[in-house]
Amino acid sequence: MKIKYDIMNCEFKGGIRHLKVFNFEEGGIYTFTLNEVDQLPEDLQAYVKTIEEDVKQGKFDYRG
């Protein structure tokens, strides 16, 4: 199965976690918060749902 999306990282801006997800088919990056997921394409919403708990636990947080 071909991977369409992959999370790059999460970072805090103004106390809110912003996700950056790469779209391999379009070659672009989506930047959004968990509160904005319902405004994304359905397949991206489904992907975010699979990683949501890890996101909330800080697994992808940028620590640079």
C-alpha atoms as a PDB file:
ATOM      1  CA  MET A   1       0.000   0.000   0.000  1.00  0.00           C
ATOM      2  CA  LYS A   2       1.326   3.400  -0.999  1.00  0.00           C
ATOM      3  CA  ILE A   3       1.766   5.926   1.809  1.00  0.00           C
ATOM      4  CA  LYS A   4       0.053   9.235   1.044  1.00  0.00           C
ATOM      5  CA  TYR A   5       0.630  11.140   4.312  1.00  0.00           C
ATOM      6  CA  ASP A   6       3.324  11.237   6.951  1.00  0.00           C
ATOM      7  CA  ILE A   7       3.553  13.464   9.995  1.00  0.00           C
ATOM      8  CA  MET A   8       6.639  15.653  10.019  1.00  0.00           C
ATOM      9  CA  ASN A   9       6.326  17.167  13.491  1.00  0.00           C
ATOM     10  CA  CYS A  10       4.204  19.173  15.893  1.00  0.00           C
ATOM     11  CA  GLU A  11       5.111  22.526  17.358  1.00  0.00           C
ATOM     12  CA  PHE A  12       3.507  24.909  19.804  1.00  0.00           C
ATOM     13  CA  LYS A  13       2.494  28.372  18.659  1.00  0.00           C
ATOM     14  CA  GLY A  14       0.682  30.520  21.169  1.00  0.00           C
ATOM     15  CA  GLY A  15       0.170  27.495  23.411  1.00  0.00           C
ATOM     16  CA  ILE A  16      -1.596  25.524  20.674  1.00  0.00           C
ATOM     17  CA  ARG A  17      -0.112  22.405  19.072  1.00  0.00           C
ATOM     18  CA  HIS A  18       0.196  22.694  15.283  1.00  0.00           C
ATOM     19  CA  LEU A  19       0.738  19.561  13.199  1.00  0.00           C
ATOM     20  CA  LYS A  20       2.739  19.458   9.975  1.00  0.00           C
ATOM     21  CA  VAL A  21       1.832  16.586   7.671  1.00  0.00           C
ATOM     22  CA  PHE A  22       3.503  15.906   4.320  1.00  0.00           C
ATOM     23  CA  ASN A  23       1.362  14.830   1.360  1.00  0.00           C
ATOM     24  CA  PHE A  24       3.486  12.612  -0.899  1.00  0.00           C
ATOM     25  CA  GLU A  25       1.051  12.695  -3.835  1.00  0.00           C
ATOM     26  CA  GLU A  26       0.831  16.490  -4.041  1.00  0.00           C
ATOM     27  CA  GLY A  27       4.291  17.250  -2.678  1.00  0.00           C
ATOM     28  CA  GLY A  28       2.835  19.720  -0.178  1.00  0.00           C
ATOM     29  CA  ILE A  29       2.593  20.248   3.538  1.00  0.00           C
ATOM     30  CA  TYR A  30      -0.587  20.668   5.573  1.00  0.00           C
ATOM     31  CA  THR A  31      -0.261  22.696   8.791  1.00  0.00           C
ATOM     32  CA  PHE A  32      -3.247  22.593  11.151  1.00  0.00           C
ATOM     33  CA  THR A  33      -4.418  22.070  14.731  1.00  0.00           C
ATOM     34  CA  LEU A  34      -6.477  19.160  16.018  1.00  0.00           C
ATOM     35  CA  ASN A  35      -9.428  21.557  16.234  1.00  0.00           C
ATOM     36  CA  GLU A  36      -9.238  22.066  12.444  1.00  0.00           C
ATOM     37  CA  VAL A  37      -9.161  18.397  11.412  1.00  0.00           C
ATOM     38  CA  ASP A  38     -12.824  18.395  10.340  1.00  0.00           C
ATOM     39  CA  GLN A  39     -11.948  20.973   7.634  1.00  0.00           C
ATOM     40  CA  LEU A  40      -9.340  18.697   6.001  1.00  0.00           C
ATOM     41  CA  PRO A  41      -9.848  16.166   3.190  1.00  0.00           C
ATOM     42  CA  GLU A  42     -11.485  12.947   4.413  1.00  0.00           C
ATOM     43  CA  ASP A  43      -8.451  10.747   3.804  1.00  0.00           C
ATOM     44  CA  LEU A  44      -6.255  13.136   5.803  1.00  0.00           C
ATOM     45  CA  GLN A  45      -8.834  13.170   8.597  1.00  0.00           C
ATOM     46  CA  ALA A  46      -8.649   9.364   8.663  1.00  0.00           C
ATOM     47  CA  TYR A  47      -4.836   9.481   8.848  1.00  0.00           C
ATOM     48  CA  VAL A  48      -4.877  11.998  11.708  1.00  0.00           C
ATOM     49  CA  LYS A  49      -7.307   9.789  13.594  1.00  0.00           C
ATOM     50  CA  THR A  50      -4.715   6.953  13.491  1.00  0.00           C
ATOM     51  CA  ILE A  51      -2.018   9.151  15.106  1.00  0.00           C
ATOM     52  CA  GLU A  52      -4.189  11.383  17.307  1.00  0.00           C
ATOM     53  CA  GLU A  53      -3.285   9.766  20.649  1.00  0.00           C
ATOM     54  CA  ASP A  54       0.449   9.917  19.864  1.00  0.00           C
ATOM     55  CA  VAL A  55       0.038  13.590  18.907  1.00  0.00           C
ATOM     56  CA  LYS A  56      -1.750  14.365  22.173  1.00  0.00           C
ATOM     57  CA  GLN A  57       0.979  12.549  24.133  1.00  0.00           C
ATOM     58  CA  GLY A  58       3.694  14.657  22.470  1.00  0.00           C
ATOM     59  CA  LYS A  59       5.368  11.889  20.485  1.00  0.00           C
ATOM     60  CA  PHE A  60       5.862  14.146  17.433  1.00  0.00           C
ATOM     61  CA  ASP A  61       6.602  17.418  19.262  1.00  0.00           C
ATOM     62  CA  TYR A  62       9.548  19.377  17.869  1.00  0.00           C
ATOM     63  CA  ARG A  63      12.294  19.607  20.436  1.00  0.00           C
ATOM     64  CA  GLY A  64      14.907  21.613  18.521  1.00  0.00           C
END
